[in-house]
Protein backbone atom coordinates (compact mmCIF):
# COMPACT_ATOMS: atom_id res chain seq x y z
CA MET A 1 7.59 29.13 2.22
CA LEU A 2 4.05 30.24 0.66
CA SER A 3 1.15 30.99 2.12
CA LEU A 4 -2.02 28.75 1.80
CA THR A 5 -3.68 31.48 -0.32
CA LEU A 6 -0.83 32.21 -2.31
CA ALA A 7 -0.61 28.38 -3.03
CA ALA A 8 -4.08 28.04 -4.03
CA ALA A 9 -3.67 30.98 -6.35
CA LEU A 10 -1.10 28.72 -8.34
CA LEU A 11 -3.22 25.62 -8.66
CA THR A 12 -3.10 25.69 -12.24
CA ASP A 13 0.92 26.18 -12.35
CA PRO A 14 2.35 22.58 -13.06
CA VAL A 15 5.29 23.69 -11.13
CA ALA A 16 5.58 22.01 -7.80
CA THR A 17 4.41 24.30 -4.77
CA PRO A 18 5.93 23.82 -1.22
CA VAL A 19 3.20 23.39 1.70
CA THR A 20 3.40 22.98 5.09
CA LEU A 21 1.11 21.19 7.84
CA PRO A 22 0.69 22.87 11.44
CA SER A 23 2.30 19.91 13.75
CA GLU A 24 4.01 19.81 17.05
CA PRO A 25 7.11 19.94 17.62
CA ALA A 26 7.30 21.48 14.30
CA PRO A 27 5.57 21.86 11.06
CA LEU A 28 5.34 18.73 8.32
CA HIS A 29 6.69 19.74 4.92
CA GLY A 30 5.37 18.58 1.48
CA THR A 31 4.81 19.37 -2.09
CA LEU A 32 1.77 20.06 -3.97
CA LEU A 33 1.78 19.08 -7.47
CA SER A 34 -1.47 20.13 -9.33
CA PRO A 35 -2.25 19.87 -12.96
CA ASP A 36 -1.75 22.46 -15.79
CA GLY A 37 -5.49 22.71 -16.23
CA GLN A 38 -8.50 21.80 -14.40
CA THR A 39 -8.42 19.71 -11.22
CA ARG A 40 -10.45 16.85 -11.27
CA ALA A 41 -9.42 15.35 -7.86
CA ALA A 42 -7.04 15.35 -5.24
CA ALA A 43 -4.84 12.86 -3.41
CA VAL A 44 -2.46 12.39 -0.64
CA ILE A 45 0.44 9.84 -1.24
CA ILE A 46 1.47 8.31 2.21
CA ALA A 47 5.10 6.76 2.19
CA GLY A 48 5.98 3.49 3.23
CA SER A 49 8.15 2.31 6.21
CA GLY A 50 11.26 3.77 7.48
CA PRO A 51 13.29 6.87 6.57
CA THR A 52 11.18 7.14 3.22
CA ASP A 53 10.95 10.81 1.79
CA ARG A 54 8.18 12.44 -0.04
CA ASN A 55 9.68 11.19 -3.30
CA GLY A 56 9.84 7.58 -2.12
CA ASN A 57 13.39 7.64 -1.71
CA SER A 58 15.37 6.35 1.67
CA PRO A 59 19.11 6.69 2.68
CA LEU A 60 18.53 2.84 3.15
CA GLY A 61 19.44 2.20 -0.35
CA VAL A 62 16.13 3.31 -2.36
CA SER A 63 16.51 6.21 -4.70
CA SER A 64 13.64 5.07 -7.31
CA SER A 65 11.65 8.22 -6.98
CA SER A 66 8.33 6.33 -7.14
CA TYR A 67 6.00 8.85 -5.21
CA ARG A 68 7.39 11.92 -7.38
CA LEU A 69 6.58 9.46 -10.52
CA LEU A 70 3.22 8.62 -9.50
CA ALA A 71 2.56 12.40 -8.86
CA GLU A 72 3.80 13.48 -12.10
CA GLY A 73 1.60 10.98 -13.68
CA LEU A 74 -1.49 11.61 -12.00
CA ALA A 75 -1.10 15.21 -12.38
CA GLU A 76 -1.23 14.54 -16.50
CA GLN A 77 -4.56 13.12 -15.48
CA GLY A 78 -6.19 16.00 -13.76
CA ILE A 79 -5.44 14.63 -10.13
CA ALA A 80 -3.46 17.11 -7.82
CA THR A 81 -1.62 15.46 -5.13
CA ILE A 82 0.13 16.36 -1.80
CA ARG A 83 3.29 14.00 -1.02
CA ALA A 84 5.12 14.68 2.26
CA ASP A 85 8.17 13.92 4.41
CA LYS A 86 6.87 12.06 7.37
CA ARG A 87 7.83 12.93 10.91
CA GLY A 88 11.76 12.90 11.68
CA VAL A 89 12.56 12.53 7.49
CA GLY A 90 13.65 14.94 5.09
CA ALA A 91 12.37 18.38 5.58
CA SER A 92 10.11 17.02 8.32
CA ALA A 93 13.23 16.36 10.40
CA PHE A 94 12.14 18.59 13.28
CA ALA A 95 8.83 17.17 13.75
CA GLY A 96 10.55 13.71 14.64
CA MET A 97 9.85 12.80 18.20
CA ALA A 98 12.12 10.24 20.34
CA GLU A 99 12.14 6.74 18.63
CA ALA A 100 10.37 5.36 22.08
CA ASP A 101 7.65 7.75 22.04
CA LEU A 102 6.68 7.05 18.14
CA ARG A 103 3.24 5.12 17.71
CA PHE A 104 1.40 3.86 14.68
CA THR A 105 -1.51 6.42 15.10
CA ASP A 106 1.20 9.30 14.71
CA TYR A 107 1.46 8.76 11.45
CA SER A 108 -2.52 8.09 10.63
CA ASN A 109 -3.39 11.55 12.81
CA ASP A 110 -0.68 13.19 10.21
CA ALA A 111 -2.30 11.72 7.04
CA ARG A 112 -5.89 12.70 8.40
CA ALA A 113 -4.63 16.05 8.76
CA TRP A 114 -3.12 16.23 5.18
CA ALA A 115 -6.30 15.12 3.78
CA ALA A 116 -8.20 17.75 5.27
CA GLN A 117 -5.72 20.17 4.28
CA THR A 118 -5.34 18.72 0.74
CA ALA A 119 -9.05 19.06 0.34
CA ARG A 120 -9.37 22.53 1.37
CA LEU A 121 -6.18 23.92 -0.80
CA ILE A 122 -7.38 22.07 -3.70
CA GLY A 123 -11.05 23.27 -3.29
CA GLN A 124 -12.30 19.43 -3.61
CA PRO A 125 -14.92 18.12 -1.04
CA CYS A 126 -12.33 15.64 0.09
CA ALA A 127 -9.03 14.06 -0.83
CA TRP A 128 -8.01 10.24 -1.74
CA LEU A 129 -5.50 8.76 0.45
CA ILE A 130 -2.97 6.42 -1.58
CA GLY A 131 -0.90 4.73 0.67
CA HIS A 132 2.32 2.47 -0.40
CA SER A 133 3.44 -0.57 1.61
CA GLU A 134 3.24 0.33 5.12
CA GLY A 135 1.55 3.60 4.00
CA ALA A 136 -1.48 1.42 2.96
CA MET A 137 -1.91 0.42 6.55
CA VAL A 138 -1.49 4.02 7.77
CA ALA A 139 -4.43 4.78 5.08
CA LEU A 140 -6.56 2.28 6.57
CA VAL A 141 -6.09 3.51 10.28
CA THR A 142 -6.60 6.93 9.00
CA VAL A 143 -10.25 5.75 7.91
CA ALA A 144 -11.25 3.45 10.59
CA GLY A 145 -14.63 5.11 12.07
CA GLY A 146 -14.88 7.33 9.25
CA ASP A 147 -13.67 10.53 7.72
CA ASP A 148 -15.46 12.92 5.66
CA ALA A 149 -11.82 14.38 4.34
CA VAL A 150 -11.31 11.11 2.71
CA CYS A 151 -13.04 10.29 -0.60
CA GLY A 152 -11.51 6.72 -0.39
CA VAL A 153 -8.32 4.80 -0.18
CA VAL A 154 -5.90 3.03 -2.95
CA LEU A 155 -3.87 0.49 -1.46
CA LEU A 156 -0.64 -0.15 -3.50
CA ALA A 157 1.60 -3.18 -2.54
CA GLY A 158 -0.14 -2.93 1.21
CA ALA A 159 0.06 -6.03 3.48
CA GLY A 160 -2.98 -8.06 3.89
CA ARG A 161 -2.21 -9.70 7.12
CA PRO A 162 -1.21 -8.48 10.53
CA ILE A 163 2.46 -7.52 10.54
CA GLY A 164 3.52 -10.22 12.91
CA ALA A 165 2.44 -12.89 10.12
CA VAL A 166 4.59 -11.02 7.48
CA LEU A 167 7.56 -10.84 9.61
CA ARG A 168 7.51 -14.52 10.60
CA GLU A 169 7.35 -15.39 6.64
CA GLN A 170 10.42 -13.13 6.34
CA LEU A 171 12.37 -14.70 8.84
CA ALA A 172 11.70 -18.02 7.76
CA ASN A 173 14.80 -18.56 6.01
CA ALA A 174 17.01 -16.64 8.58
CA PRO A 175 19.82 -18.82 10.22
CA GLU A 176 19.47 -20.67 13.72
CA PRO A 177 19.82 -19.52 16.42
CA LEU A 178 18.68 -15.94 15.27
CA ARG A 179 15.30 -17.36 13.35
CA GLY A 180 14.21 -18.90 16.84
CA GLN A 181 15.29 -15.77 19.07
CA ALA A 182 13.59 -13.24 16.73
CA VAL A 183 10.15 -15.37 16.79
CA ALA A 184 10.52 -15.44 20.61
CA ILE A 185 10.99 -11.58 20.65
CA LEU A 186 7.90 -11.19 18.20
CA ALA A 187 5.81 -13.16 20.40
CA GLU A 188 6.48 -11.06 23.64
CA LEU A 189 5.86 -7.96 21.48
CA GLU A 190 2.60 -9.46 20.38
CA ALA A 191 1.85 -9.83 23.92
CA GLY A 192 2.73 -6.12 24.66
CA ARG A 193 5.76 -6.95 26.81
CA LEU A 194 9.24 -5.30 25.92
CA VAL A 195 12.06 -6.93 25.46
CA THR A 196 15.61 -5.89 26.81
CA ASP A 197 17.83 -8.71 25.63
CA VAL A 198 18.22 -8.18 21.81
CA PRO A 199 21.12 -9.81 19.83
CA PRO A 200 23.09 -7.33 18.03
CA GLN A 201 22.29 -9.07 14.62
CA LEU A 202 18.11 -8.38 15.52
CA ALA A 203 18.93 -4.73 16.39
CA ALA A 204 17.62 -3.39 13.38
CA LEU A 205 14.38 -4.86 13.61
CA PHE A 206 13.87 -5.16 17.46
CA ARG A 207 16.28 -2.58 19.16
CA PRO A 208 14.38 -1.48 22.48
CA PRO A 209 13.56 2.22 21.42
CA VAL A 210 11.44 0.77 18.30
CA GLN A 211 9.50 -1.92 20.24
CA PRO A 212 6.79 0.36 21.54
CA TYR A 213 5.88 1.46 17.84
CA LEU A 214 5.89 -2.34 16.48
CA ILE A 215 3.62 -3.23 19.75
CA SER A 216 1.01 -0.29 18.50
CA TRP A 217 1.57 -1.97 15.18
CA LEU A 218 1.16 -5.79 15.60
CA PRO A 219 -2.55 -5.68 16.94
CA LEU A 220 -3.65 -4.19 13.45
CA ASP A 221 -5.33 -6.37 11.14
CA PRO A 222 -5.43 -4.78 7.44
CA ALA A 223 -8.07 -7.39 6.18
CA ALA A 224 -10.48 -6.81 9.23
CA MET A 225 -9.85 -2.99 8.65
CA VAL A 226 -10.70 -2.66 4.78
CA ALA A 227 -13.78 -5.08 5.23
CA ALA A 228 -15.08 -2.69 8.04
CA TYR A 229 -14.52 0.61 5.61
CA PRO A 230 -17.47 1.60 3.66
CA GLY A 231 -15.70 3.91 1.22
CA PRO A 232 -14.33 3.25 -2.27
CA VAL A 233 -11.32 0.74 -2.22
CA MET A 234 -8.67 -0.09 -4.74
CA ILE A 235 -6.06 -2.65 -4.17
CA GLY A 236 -2.90 -2.57 -6.54
CA GLN A 237 -0.31 -5.40 -6.38
CA GLY A 238 2.22 -6.43 -8.75
CA THR A 239 3.49 -9.91 -9.41
CA THR A 240 7.44 -9.46 -8.77
CA ASP A 241 7.11 -7.71 -5.40
CA ILE A 242 9.84 -9.42 -3.03
CA GLN A 243 8.56 -7.59 -0.15
CA VAL A 244 4.46 -8.07 -0.36
CA GLY A 245 2.72 -10.92 -2.41
CA LEU A 246 -0.14 -11.80 -4.13
CA THR A 247 -1.28 -13.47 -0.78
CA ASP A 248 -1.51 -10.01 0.52
CA ALA A 249 -3.64 -8.59 -2.12
CA ASN A 250 -5.77 -11.49 -2.27
CA ALA A 251 -6.42 -11.29 1.42
CA LEU A 252 -7.22 -7.70 1.22
CA ALA A 253 -9.61 -8.29 -1.66
CA ALA A 254 -11.17 -11.37 -0.19
CA ALA A 255 -12.36 -9.23 3.05
CA ARG A 256 -13.58 -6.47 0.99
CA PRO A 257 -16.14 -7.54 -1.87
CA GLY A 258 -16.63 -4.70 -4.39
CA ALA A 259 -13.11 -3.55 -3.92
CA ARG A 260 -11.19 -3.00 -7.12
CA LEU A 261 -8.14 -5.56 -7.15
CA THR A 262 -5.63 -4.83 -9.69
CA ILE A 263 -2.66 -6.97 -10.47
CA TRP A 264 0.21 -5.59 -12.37
CA GLU A 265 2.25 -8.57 -14.22
CA GLY A 266 6.33 -8.04 -13.82
CA VAL A 267 5.71 -5.18 -11.50
CA ASN A 268 7.86 -4.76 -8.11
CA HIS A 269 7.43 -3.19 -4.84
CA LEU A 270 8.50 0.09 -6.03
CA LEU A 271 5.81 0.03 -9.06
CA LYS A 272 8.21 -0.70 -11.87
CA ILE A 273 9.00 -3.63 -14.33
CA ALA A 274 11.25 -5.93 -12.64
CA PRO A 275 12.55 -9.63 -12.94
CA ALA A 276 11.44 -12.18 -10.27
CA ASP A 277 15.09 -12.94 -9.43
CA ARG A 278 16.04 -10.95 -6.25
CA ALA A 279 19.38 -9.09 -7.67
CA GLY A 280 17.96 -7.96 -10.84
CA ASN A 281 14.66 -6.79 -8.81
CA ILE A 282 16.71 -4.80 -6.48
CA ALA A 283 18.77 -3.36 -9.00
CA THR A 284 15.75 -1.15 -9.84
CA TYR A 285 15.38 0.42 -6.27
CA SER A 286 18.56 2.58 -6.88
CA ASP A 287 17.63 3.58 -10.65
CA PRO A 288 15.43 6.91 -10.69
CA THR A 289 15.59 6.94 -14.08
CA LEU A 290 12.94 3.95 -14.62
CA PRO A 291 9.42 5.09 -15.39
CA LEU A 292 6.47 3.49 -13.40
CA ALA A 293 5.35 0.48 -14.95
CA PRO A 294 2.87 0.90 -17.74
CA GLY A 295 -0.77 0.92 -16.36
CA VAL A 296 -0.05 1.93 -13.01
CA VAL A 297 -0.80 5.55 -13.13
CA GLU A 298 -3.72 4.95 -15.59
CA ASP A 299 -5.25 2.37 -13.10
CA VAL A 300 -5.04 4.50 -10.10
CA ALA A 301 -6.30 7.50 -11.82
CA GLY A 302 -8.89 5.64 -13.55
CA PHE A 303 -10.12 4.50 -10.40
CA ILE A 304 -9.99 7.70 -8.61
CA LEU A 305 -11.82 9.42 -11.43
CA GLN A 306 -14.72 7.02 -12.13
CA PRO A 307 -18.11 7.79 -10.09
CA HIS A 308 -18.42 5.75 -6.86
CA ARG A 309 -20.84 4.33 -4.44
CA THR A 310 -20.13 3.43 -0.92
CA SER A 311 -20.85 0.00 0.48
CA ALA A 312 -23.65 2.12 2.90
CA ASP A 313 -25.53 3.21 -0.13
C-alpha cells in the first residue's frame, strides 16, 4: 500500500492510486483518481445503499460501474476524486461491524474523515461530497453542524423525503397482507421500537439485525437538512429513475432556494440513458459498457468548478 507521501507525489499520474483511511476495527480502502495535469478541485464520491462498492457495483445485480465512470469523467475536467468501499464491502470488509451495531452516523463519520483526508492528500482547502442515492443523505448528515473540510455537496438521485415516506410509496403495490404487515412494522420502527415477528417475505427489508440501523435513519429529513446547510448545493435527478423521482428532487430544491437543480431527461438511477419501462431500465444496471448519460459529468464538474458563495455570505 502506498504511503500518503508517495501518493501525493503521484498526483499528476492519471493511473488510479490506492489509499487507506485509518478506522476501527480495520482501515477503509479507496481509490484516488487524479487528473493528468493541474488539479482544480477534490471530491469524495459516497456510495448508495446496500453492499455497493467504490465503483458503484453490488452483488445484488448491479454492475454498471457508475462511480468509476463518474470519477474518470471528473478527472478529465481537472477534479481529483476518492471513491471508497464502505464498511463491510469489498476491500473494506474487515472494517465492517455486526449488522445490529451499525448506525447511519457510522457512514457519515467515515465520509467526514474521507473529506478531510482527501483535502490534505490533494492539497486543496476542502473537498466536495458527491452523494448518490442513500449517499446523498449521508452527505447531508456529514455536513450537519458545519464542516470546514467540505466545500459543498452534490446530491445525485437523493431522496427528498424521510425514508419512511419513500418506503411507504414503494410498498404501495405490494400484495396484501404483506403491505399491511410492512406498514405496521415501519410504524413501530418509526416509534423507535424493535419488531421481533417479521414475516419471511419481509426479512430482506426488516430483519431484526438491520432494524437498529433503520431506526437511526427514519428520523432524518433530507429537506430539513438541506435547508439548514449554508454551503453550495447541487441537486441532480434523472427523469427515468425508477427508484427516486422528480418529487424528491423538487422537494430538496424547494427547501433550499439557491441550490442548483439539474434534471436529466431520459436518465435513470444509475445516471445512464434508459427507457421508462421497468424491464429496459433495469437492463442497464448490469451493463458496465454503457457510458454515463451526456451532461452528467459536465454538469457536476461545472458546478464544482464555478465560483461559489454560501447562503451565510
